């Protein structure tokens, strides 16, 4: 893929390095000359420009990008970049960084955002995920809030322990996508039994999260 990253700070450069390792083409854009540290990610393309301006994005060739990442430390910039990428260039996937949790409600389809990543929320979710058993933890939001990636670790007395995944009456708009068990990642089939300590990963609509939590933790 060709990926444009608006914001060449530590976050943007880290994303760029990872994507390059995975074989993608990456362009880093930043308006601050001090952020243009070519030696830090030498295999990336670099552009000194304001990503909030159409002329800059034309120069960056956003119409040839499959993904745009708005990763600056300024939420206003990230929203403008996301909106322009989606509405002016039709970029298929726009990923935006949220710096301040109070701004989360803005990062949706109206601003062209496909996936919003809130660093504070993600960190707190990972803390919760590490210490909680039997509680549903939201890890990430997809597609303008239509679906979330959620996790729950099954307690010893969870009612579904011992049941086959295909026999559990999952709520609508819920998909069990992976089971993490004893260091292994299992792709669930209908005949797989659920075990205490299983870490279950679901993609589910926000409306059914409470129903899912009750199903997995009711006694």
Protein backbone atom coordinates (compact mmCIF):
# COMPACT_ATOMS: atom_id res chain seq x y z
CA UNK A 1 0.00 0.00 0.00
CA UNK A 2 0.94 3.63 -0.32
CA UNK A 3 0.41 5.39 3.01
CA UNK A 4 0.63 9.11 3.77
CA UNK A 5 1.28 10.09 7.38
CA UNK A 6 0.50 13.67 8.40
CA UNK A 7 2.60 14.48 11.44
CA UNK A 8 6.24 13.38 11.50
CA UNK A 9 6.72 13.47 15.26
CA UNK A 10 7.72 10.44 17.31
CA UNK A 11 4.35 8.76 16.72
CA UNK A 12 4.33 9.35 12.97
CA UNK A 13 7.93 8.20 12.55
CA UNK A 14 7.27 5.03 14.56
CA UNK A 15 4.24 4.19 12.41
CA UNK A 16 6.28 4.87 9.27
CA UNK A 17 9.12 2.58 10.34
CA UNK A 18 6.69 -0.24 11.11
CA UNK A 19 4.86 0.11 7.78
CA UNK A 20 8.12 0.20 5.83
CA UNK A 21 9.21 -3.01 7.55
CA UNK A 22 5.96 -4.56 6.32
CA UNK A 23 6.75 -3.60 2.73
CA UNK A 24 4.54 -0.54 2.27
CA UNK A 25 5.39 2.81 0.67
CA UNK A 26 5.30 5.67 3.17
CA UNK A 27 5.24 9.45 2.82
CA UNK A 28 5.74 11.57 5.95
CA UNK A 29 4.34 15.12 5.87
CA UNK A 30 5.05 17.86 8.40
CA UNK A 31 4.94 21.65 8.36
CA UNK A 32 7.72 21.99 10.95
CA UNK A 33 11.25 21.88 9.48
CA UNK A 34 12.57 20.49 12.77
CA UNK A 35 10.34 17.45 12.34
CA UNK A 36 11.95 16.55 9.02
CA UNK A 37 14.46 14.03 10.38
CA UNK A 38 15.21 12.06 7.26
CA UNK A 39 17.96 10.01 8.90
CA UNK A 40 15.45 8.64 11.42
CA UNK A 41 13.36 6.93 8.70
CA UNK A 42 15.60 7.03 5.63
CA UNK A 43 13.47 4.73 3.49
CA UNK A 44 10.42 6.98 3.74
CA UNK A 45 9.55 9.85 1.43
CA UNK A 46 9.45 13.23 3.18
CA UNK A 47 7.50 16.38 2.42
CA UNK A 48 7.84 19.71 4.22
CA UNK A 49 4.33 21.09 3.84
CA UNK A 50 1.10 21.98 5.63
CA UNK A 51 -1.13 18.91 5.41
CA UNK A 52 -4.19 21.11 6.02
CA UNK A 53 -3.78 22.75 2.61
CA UNK A 54 -5.10 21.28 -0.63
CA UNK A 55 -1.99 22.33 -2.58
CA UNK A 56 0.20 20.36 -0.16
CA UNK A 57 -1.96 17.28 -0.43
CA UNK A 58 -1.94 17.55 -4.22
CA UNK A 59 1.86 17.60 -4.07
CA UNK A 60 1.77 14.61 -1.76
CA UNK A 61 -0.34 12.68 -4.30
CA UNK A 62 -3.05 11.73 -1.85
CA UNK A 63 -5.21 10.47 -4.72
CA UNK A 64 -2.69 7.62 -5.06
CA UNK A 65 -2.80 6.65 -1.37
CA UNK A 66 -4.79 3.73 -0.02
CA UNK A 67 -4.41 4.92 3.59
CA UNK A 68 -3.92 8.28 5.28
CA UNK A 69 -2.85 8.48 8.91
CA UNK A 70 -3.48 11.78 10.71
CA UNK A 71 -0.98 11.44 13.53
CA UNK A 72 -0.11 14.97 14.60
CA UNK A 73 -0.25 16.12 18.20
CA UNK A 74 -3.03 18.60 17.35
CA UNK A 75 -6.57 17.21 17.14
CA UNK A 76 -7.74 20.13 14.96
CA UNK A 77 -5.07 19.31 12.39
CA UNK A 78 -5.95 15.62 12.46
CA UNK A 79 -9.63 16.35 11.85
CA UNK A 80 -8.94 18.67 8.92
CA UNK A 81 -6.50 16.20 7.33
CA UNK A 82 -9.02 13.38 7.75
CA UNK A 83 -11.85 15.39 6.21
CA UNK A 84 -9.77 16.48 3.22
CA UNK A 85 -8.39 12.98 2.65
CA UNK A 86 -11.87 11.47 2.54
CA UNK A 87 -13.89 14.18 0.78
CA UNK A 88 -11.35 15.66 -1.65
CA UNK A 89 -9.30 12.56 -2.48
CA UNK A 90 -11.57 9.63 -1.66
CA UNK A 91 -8.89 7.85 0.36
CA UNK A 92 -10.35 4.40 1.22
CA UNK A 93 -9.08 4.26 4.80
CA UNK A 94 -8.42 7.20 7.08
CA UNK A 95 -6.93 6.57 10.51
CA UNK A 96 -6.78 9.45 13.00
CA UNK A 97 -4.98 9.92 16.28
CA UNK A 98 -6.97 11.44 19.14
CA UNK A 99 -4.78 13.35 21.57
CA UNK A 100 -7.43 14.58 24.01
CA UNK A 101 -10.27 12.26 25.10
CA UNK A 102 -12.72 15.17 25.25
CA UNK A 103 -12.48 15.39 21.46
CA UNK A 104 -13.35 11.75 20.78
CA UNK A 105 -16.94 12.53 19.78
CA UNK A 106 -15.68 14.53 16.77
CA UNK A 107 -13.66 11.70 15.22
CA UNK A 108 -16.37 10.03 13.17
CA UNK A 109 -17.75 9.70 9.65
CA UNK A 110 -18.69 13.37 9.54
CA UNK A 111 -15.00 14.24 9.62
CA UNK A 112 -13.97 11.42 7.28
CA UNK A 113 -12.48 9.21 10.00
CA UNK A 114 -12.72 5.43 9.49
CA UNK A 115 -10.73 4.40 12.57
CA UNK A 116 -9.96 6.64 15.53
CA UNK A 117 -7.20 5.71 17.96
CA UNK A 118 -7.22 7.44 21.33
CA UNK A 119 -3.87 6.91 23.02
CA UNK A 120 -5.18 7.65 26.54
CA UNK A 121 -8.19 5.37 26.02
CA UNK A 122 -6.07 2.61 24.54
CA UNK A 123 -3.58 2.76 27.40
CA UNK A 124 -6.33 2.65 30.01
CA UNK A 125 -8.02 -0.21 28.14
CA UNK A 126 -4.81 -2.20 28.10
CA UNK A 127 -4.39 -1.63 31.83
CA UNK A 128 -7.95 -2.83 32.41
CA UNK A 129 -7.43 -5.79 30.09
CA UNK A 130 -4.33 -6.82 32.02
CA UNK A 131 -5.98 -6.84 35.43
CA UNK A 132 -9.64 -7.63 34.80
CA UNK A 133 -11.25 -11.06 34.59
CA UNK A 134 -14.92 -11.29 33.74
CA UNK A 135 -15.23 -7.65 32.67
CA UNK A 136 -15.74 -6.52 29.10
CA UNK A 137 -13.00 -4.12 27.99
CA UNK A 138 -13.28 -1.98 24.86
CA UNK A 139 -9.96 -1.89 23.04
CA UNK A 140 -10.71 -0.01 19.82
CA UNK A 141 -13.51 1.56 17.79
CA UNK A 142 -14.02 0.89 14.08
CA UNK A 143 -16.08 2.48 11.35
CA UNK A 144 -17.36 5.62 13.01
CA UNK A 145 -18.48 3.85 16.16
CA UNK A 146 -20.55 1.20 14.39
CA UNK A 147 -18.40 -1.59 15.84
CA UNK A 148 -15.87 -2.05 18.62
CA UNK A 149 -13.10 -4.51 19.34
CA UNK A 150 -13.79 -5.79 22.84
CA UNK A 151 -12.10 -8.30 25.11
CA UNK A 152 -13.19 -10.45 28.02
CA UNK A 153 -11.24 -13.04 30.00
CA UNK A 154 -13.49 -15.87 31.14
CA UNK A 155 -13.67 -16.39 34.89
CA UNK A 156 -13.73 -19.88 36.42
CA UNK A 157 -17.48 -19.65 37.07
CA UNK A 158 -18.46 -18.02 33.77
CA UNK A 159 -21.69 -19.66 32.54
CA UNK A 160 -20.31 -20.36 29.06
CA UNK A 161 -17.27 -22.33 30.29
CA UNK A 162 -17.48 -25.83 28.82
CA UNK A 163 -19.91 -24.83 26.08
CA UNK A 164 -19.09 -25.07 22.39
CA UNK A 165 -18.79 -21.63 20.75
CA UNK A 166 -21.45 -22.63 18.23
CA UNK A 167 -23.92 -23.43 21.01
CA UNK A 168 -23.63 -20.07 22.77
CA UNK A 169 -26.53 -17.69 21.92
CA UNK A 170 -24.34 -14.73 20.97
CA UNK A 171 -26.14 -11.38 20.62
CA UNK A 172 -26.82 -10.09 17.09
CA UNK A 173 -24.06 -8.02 15.46
CA UNK A 174 -21.42 -9.94 17.43
CA UNK A 175 -18.51 -11.95 16.05
CA UNK A 176 -16.05 -13.97 18.13
CA UNK A 177 -12.87 -13.40 16.12
CA UNK A 178 -10.16 -15.00 18.26
CA UNK A 179 -9.51 -16.99 21.42
CA UNK A 180 -6.21 -16.43 23.21
CA UNK A 181 -5.34 -19.53 25.25
CA UNK A 182 -2.04 -20.39 26.92
CA UNK A 183 -0.01 -18.24 24.57
CA UNK A 184 -1.76 -19.45 21.44
CA UNK A 185 -4.12 -17.58 19.12
CA UNK A 186 -7.04 -19.78 18.09
CA UNK A 187 -9.45 -19.08 15.25
CA UNK A 188 -12.73 -20.24 16.80
CA UNK A 189 -14.86 -22.89 15.12
CA UNK A 190 -18.36 -23.89 16.16
CA UNK A 191 -17.10 -27.02 17.92
CA UNK A 192 -14.40 -25.35 20.05
CA UNK A 193 -15.21 -25.53 23.78
CA UNK A 194 -14.66 -22.42 25.88
CA UNK A 195 -12.33 -22.74 28.86
CA UNK A 196 -11.79 -20.72 32.03
CA UNK A 197 -8.99 -18.21 31.46
CA UNK A 198 -9.72 -17.91 27.75
CA UNK A 199 -9.25 -14.36 26.49
CA UNK A 200 -12.05 -13.76 23.99
CA UNK A 201 -11.83 -11.06 21.34
CA UNK A 202 -15.05 -9.88 19.71
CA UNK A 203 -16.05 -7.35 17.11
CA UNK A 204 -19.46 -6.16 18.25
CA UNK A 205 -21.78 -3.22 17.84
CA UNK A 206 -21.86 -0.86 20.78
CA UNK A 207 -25.56 -1.53 21.31
CA UNK A 208 -25.00 -5.18 22.26
CA UNK A 209 -21.95 -4.79 24.51
CA UNK A 210 -23.95 -4.90 27.75
CA UNK A 211 -25.89 -7.95 26.56
CA UNK A 212 -22.62 -9.66 25.66
CA UNK A 213 -21.11 -8.82 29.05
CA UNK A 214 -24.15 -10.28 30.85
CA UNK A 215 -23.99 -13.47 28.77
CA UNK A 216 -20.33 -14.07 29.60
CA UNK A 217 -20.30 -13.10 33.27
CA UNK A 218 -23.77 -13.77 34.71
CA UNK A 219 -23.90 -16.30 37.50
